[in-house]
Amino acid sequence: TINGMATTPNVLLIEDDPTLRQLYKEAFDHADFEVLEADDGQYGVDLAIQHQPAALILDLMLPRQGGLHVLRILRSMPETRTMPVIILTALPNPEYREMAKDMVQGYFLKTQVKPKELVDAVRALIDESA
C-alpha cells in the first residue's frame, strides 16, 4: 500500500452470465486488477458497500434487482454515491442510456467493446478520480 491506498485497484463486476463474467475477470486479472464478482444486483450492492471498489462494471439485465435499480441505490448512499460506474449491457436501448447517463461514467454495449477496451476505460476512470 502507498499512503494507505491499495496499489492494486479493485473492480466490482456485476454480471449474471458466468461465461462473460469470466472473460472480463480474466482481462482485469491480466491488467493487475483485483476483481470482485457478483451474479445478481442485490449481492452487487452488498459488495459495493462492503468493499468500496475503485470502479464498478454493471450489467443492466440482472436477477434480484436490475442494473438501473442497483445504480439508484448506490447513488442514494453516501458510501457509494461517487463510485465510478460503467454500464456494460447487451441492450442497445437509447432509453436506458438516457436514464443512466447522469449516474454513470461510461456506457458500453457488450457487442461493441472488447474486454481490453473495457479495462482501459476503467483504468482511465480510476486515474481521473485518483
C-alpha atoms as a PDB file:
ATOM      1  CA  THR A   1       0.000   0.000   0.000  1.00  0.00           C
ATOM      2  CA  ILE A   2       1.047   3.589  -0.664  1.00  0.00           C
ATOM      3  CA  ASN A   3      -0.259   6.167   1.824  1.00  0.00           C
ATOM      4  CA  GLY A   4      -2.869   3.656   2.933  1.00  0.00           C
ATOM      5  CA  MET A   5      -4.124   3.240  -0.644  1.00  0.00           C
ATOM      6  CA  ALA A   6      -4.069  -0.220  -2.192  1.00  0.00           C
ATOM      7  CA  THR A   7      -1.706  -0.322  -5.151  1.00  0.00           C
ATOM      8  CA  THR A   8      -3.845  -2.956  -6.842  1.00  0.00           C
ATOM      9  CA  PRO A   9      -7.129  -1.336  -7.835  1.00  0.00           C
ATOM     10  CA  ASN A  10     -10.166  -3.456  -7.211  1.00  0.00           C
ATOM     11  CA  VAL A  11     -13.089  -3.528  -9.571  1.00  0.00           C
ATOM     12  CA  LEU A  12     -16.540  -4.963  -8.951  1.00  0.00           C
ATOM     13  CA  LEU A  13     -18.054  -6.868 -11.842  1.00  0.00           C
ATOM     14  CA  ILE A  14     -21.845  -7.302 -11.592  1.00  0.00           C
ATOM     15  CA  GLU A  15     -22.735  -9.666 -14.428  1.00  0.00           C
ATOM     16  CA  ASP A  16     -25.062 -12.665 -14.301  1.00  0.00           C
ATOM     17  CA  ASP A  17     -23.640 -14.509 -17.339  1.00  0.00           C
ATOM     18  CA  PRO A  18     -20.840 -16.733 -15.952  1.00  0.00           C
ATOM     19  CA  THR A  19     -19.046 -17.013 -19.302  1.00  0.00           C
ATOM     20  CA  LEU A  20     -18.936 -13.256 -19.829  1.00  0.00           C
ATOM     21  CA  ARG A  21     -18.047 -12.632 -16.193  1.00  0.00           C
ATOM     22  CA  GLN A  22     -15.077 -14.995 -16.537  1.00  0.00           C
ATOM     23  CA  LEU A  23     -13.992 -13.320 -19.787  1.00  0.00           C
ATOM     24  CA  TYR A  24     -13.979  -9.853 -18.210  1.00  0.00           C
ATOM     25  CA  LYS A  25     -12.447 -11.139 -14.975  1.00  0.00           C
ATOM     26  CA  GLU A  26      -9.511 -12.599 -16.917  1.00  0.00           C
ATOM     27  CA  ALA A  27      -8.983  -9.306 -18.762  1.00  0.00           C
ATOM     28  CA  PHE A  28      -8.896  -7.399 -15.457  1.00  0.00           C
ATOM     29  CA  ASP A  29      -6.714 -10.052 -13.773  1.00  0.00           C
ATOM     30  CA  HIS A  30      -4.284  -9.759 -16.660  1.00  0.00           C
ATOM     31  CA  ALA A  31      -4.142  -5.984 -16.120  1.00  0.00           C
ATOM     32  CA  ASP A  32      -3.351  -6.465 -12.397  1.00  0.00           C
ATOM     33  CA  PHE A  33      -6.764  -5.578 -11.035  1.00  0.00           C
ATOM     34  CA  GLU A  34      -8.313  -7.358  -8.111  1.00  0.00           C
ATOM     35  CA  VAL A  35     -11.765  -8.489  -9.231  1.00  0.00           C
ATOM     36  CA  LEU A  36     -14.837  -8.842  -7.056  1.00  0.00           C
ATOM     37  CA  GLU A  37     -17.739 -10.642  -8.706  1.00  0.00           C
ATOM     38  CA  ALA A  38     -21.489 -10.591  -8.202  1.00  0.00           C
ATOM     39  CA  ASP A  39     -24.039 -12.506 -10.241  1.00  0.00           C
ATOM     40  CA  ASP A  40     -27.083 -10.541  -9.143  1.00  0.00           C
ATOM     41  CA  GLY A  41     -27.991  -6.965  -8.301  1.00  0.00           C
ATOM     42  CA  GLN A  42     -28.591  -7.405  -4.585  1.00  0.00           C
ATOM     43  CA  TYR A  43     -25.265  -9.140  -3.997  1.00  0.00           C
ATOM     44  CA  GLY A  44     -23.585  -6.466  -6.129  1.00  0.00           C
ATOM     45  CA  VAL A  45     -24.955  -3.686  -3.911  1.00  0.00           C
ATOM     46  CA  ASP A  46     -23.755  -5.551  -0.796  1.00  0.00           C
ATOM     47  CA  LEU A  47     -20.244  -5.993  -2.234  1.00  0.00           C
ATOM     48  CA  ALA A  48     -20.048  -2.359  -3.391  1.00  0.00           C
ATOM     49  CA  ILE A  49     -20.873  -1.093   0.109  1.00  0.00           C
ATOM     50  CA  GLN A  50     -18.627  -3.609   1.851  1.00  0.00           C
ATOM     51  CA  HIS A  51     -15.523  -3.319  -0.373  1.00  0.00           C
ATOM     52  CA  GLN A  52     -15.736   0.211  -1.843  1.00  0.00           C
ATOM     53  CA  PRO A  53     -14.212  -0.818  -5.191  1.00  0.00           C
ATOM     54  CA  ALA A  54     -12.293   1.718  -7.277  1.00  0.00           C
ATOM     55  CA  ALA A  55     -14.820   1.128 -10.066  1.00  0.00           C
ATOM     56  CA  LEU A  56     -17.945  -0.862 -10.798  1.00  0.00           C
ATOM     57  CA  ILE A  57     -18.897  -2.621 -14.033  1.00  0.00           C
ATOM     58  CA  LEU A  58     -22.653  -3.055 -14.101  1.00  0.00           C
ATOM     59  CA  ASP A  59     -24.860  -5.164 -16.349  1.00  0.00           C
ATOM     60  CA  LEU A  60     -28.443  -3.901 -16.716  1.00  0.00           C
ATOM     61  CA  MET A  61     -30.302  -7.202 -17.005  1.00  0.00           C
ATOM     62  CA  LEU A  62     -29.744  -8.852 -13.632  1.00  0.00           C
ATOM     63  CA  PRO A  63     -31.650 -11.162 -11.308  1.00  0.00           C
ATOM     64  CA  ARG A  64     -32.658  -9.748  -7.882  1.00  0.00           C
ATOM     65  CA  GLN A  65     -32.634  -6.044  -8.801  1.00  0.00           C
ATOM     66  CA  GLY A  66     -31.839  -4.846 -12.296  1.00  0.00           C
ATOM     67  CA  GLY A  67     -28.881  -2.623 -13.074  1.00  0.00           C
ATOM     68  CA  LEU A  68     -30.777   0.679 -13.085  1.00  0.00           C
ATOM     69  CA  HIS A  69     -32.231  -0.130  -9.670  1.00  0.00           C
ATOM     70  CA  VAL A  70     -28.751  -1.035  -8.380  1.00  0.00           C
ATOM     71  CA  LEU A  71     -27.464   2.268  -9.737  1.00  0.00           C
ATOM     72  CA  ARG A  72     -30.196   4.248  -7.986  1.00  0.00           C
ATOM     73  CA  ILE A  73     -29.455   2.507  -4.678  1.00  0.00           C
ATOM     74  CA  LEU A  74     -25.710   3.149  -4.993  1.00  0.00           C
ATOM     75  CA  ARG A  75     -26.221   6.805  -5.906  1.00  0.00           C
ATOM     76  CA  SER A  76     -28.515   7.303  -2.908  1.00  0.00           C
ATOM     77  CA  MET A  77     -25.951   6.114  -0.348  1.00  0.00           C
ATOM     78  CA  PRO A  78     -23.081   8.277   0.907  1.00  0.00           C
ATOM     79  CA  GLU A  79     -20.587   5.359   0.797  1.00  0.00           C
ATOM     80  CA  THR A  80     -21.155   4.686  -2.892  1.00  0.00           C
ATOM     81  CA  ARG A  81     -22.522   7.972  -4.236  1.00  0.00           C
ATOM     82  CA  THR A  82     -19.310   8.947  -6.061  1.00  0.00           C
ATOM     83  CA  MET A  83     -18.123   5.450  -7.026  1.00  0.00           C
ATOM     84  CA  PRO A  84     -17.273   5.364 -10.755  1.00  0.00           C
ATOM     85  CA  VAL A  85     -19.743   3.121 -12.588  1.00  0.00           C
ATOM     86  CA  ILE A  86     -19.563   1.794 -16.120  1.00  0.00           C
ATOM     87  CA  ILE A  87     -22.629   0.173 -17.627  1.00  0.00           C
ATOM     88  CA  LEU A  88     -21.920  -2.892 -19.734  1.00  0.00           C
ATOM     89  CA  THR A  89     -25.068  -4.131 -21.408  1.00  0.00           C
ATOM     90  CA  ALA A  90     -26.410  -6.136 -24.309  1.00  0.00           C
ATOM     91  CA  LEU A  91     -29.343  -3.723 -24.574  1.00  0.00           C
ATOM     92  CA  PRO A  92     -28.867  -1.096 -27.282  1.00  0.00           C
ATOM     93  CA  ASN A  93     -31.892   0.731 -25.891  1.00  0.00           C
ATOM     94  CA  PRO A  94     -31.428   4.548 -26.001  1.00  0.00           C
ATOM     95  CA  GLU A  95     -33.943   4.927 -23.164  1.00  0.00           C
ATOM     96  CA  TYR A  96     -31.691   3.037 -20.773  1.00  0.00           C
ATOM     97  CA  ARG A  97     -28.701   5.074 -21.846  1.00  0.00           C
ATOM     98  CA  GLU A  98     -30.711   8.250 -21.277  1.00  0.00           C
ATOM     99  CA  MET A  99     -31.923   7.128 -17.821  1.00  0.00           C
ATOM    100  CA  ALA A 100     -28.407   6.156 -16.733  1.00  0.00           C
ATOM    101  CA  LYS A 101     -26.378   8.961 -18.303  1.00  0.00           C
ATOM    102  CA  ASP A 102     -26.290  11.294 -15.301  1.00  0.00           C
ATOM    103  CA  MET A 103     -25.398   8.465 -12.941  1.00  0.00           C
ATOM    104  CA  VAL A 104     -22.592   6.704 -14.817  1.00  0.00           C
ATOM    105  CA  GLN A 105     -19.126   7.448 -16.143  1.00  0.00           C
ATOM    106  CA  GLY A 106     -19.348   5.101 -19.110  1.00  0.00           C
ATOM    107  CA  TYR A 107     -21.852   3.104 -21.145  1.00  0.00           C
ATOM    108  CA  PHE A 108     -20.746   0.210 -23.338  1.00  0.00           C
ATOM    109  CA  LEU A 109     -22.584  -2.350 -25.417  1.00  0.00           C
ATOM    110  CA  LYS A 110     -21.228  -5.874 -24.956  1.00  0.00           C
ATOM    111  CA  THR A 111     -21.258  -6.442 -28.699  1.00  0.00           C
ATOM    112  CA  GLN A 112     -19.156  -3.334 -29.346  1.00  0.00           C
ATOM    113  CA  VAL A 113     -16.456  -3.392 -26.696  1.00  0.00           C
ATOM    114  CA  LYS A 114     -13.513  -5.766 -26.287  1.00  0.00           C
ATOM    115  CA  PRO A 115     -12.552  -6.752 -22.730  1.00  0.00           C
ATOM    116  CA  LYS A 116      -9.230  -4.905 -23.073  1.00  0.00           C
ATOM    117  CA  GLU A 117     -11.028  -1.700 -24.108  1.00  0.00           C
ATOM    118  CA  LEU A 118     -13.195  -2.011 -21.006  1.00  0.00           C
ATOM    119  CA  VAL A 119     -10.100  -2.442 -18.838  1.00  0.00           C
ATOM    120  CA  ASP A 120      -8.535   0.650 -20.449  1.00  0.00           C
ATOM    121  CA  ALA A 121     -11.719   2.674 -19.840  1.00  0.00           C
ATOM    122  CA  VAL A 122     -11.784   1.630 -16.173  1.00  0.00           C
ATOM    123  CA  ARG A 123      -8.103   2.408 -15.730  1.00  0.00           C
ATOM    124  CA  ALA A 124      -8.613   5.888 -17.214  1.00  0.00           C
ATOM    125  CA  LEU A 125     -11.566   6.459 -14.865  1.00  0.00           C
ATOM    126  CA  ILE A 126      -9.604   5.410 -11.805  1.00  0.00           C
ATOM    127  CA  ASP A 127      -6.660   7.611 -12.801  1.00  0.00           C
ATOM    128  CA  GLU A 128      -9.051  10.550 -13.210  1.00  0.00           C
ATOM    129  CA  SER A 129     -10.621  10.099  -9.800  1.00  0.00           C
ATOM    130  CA  ALA A 130      -7.308   9.443  -8.026  1.00  0.00           C
END
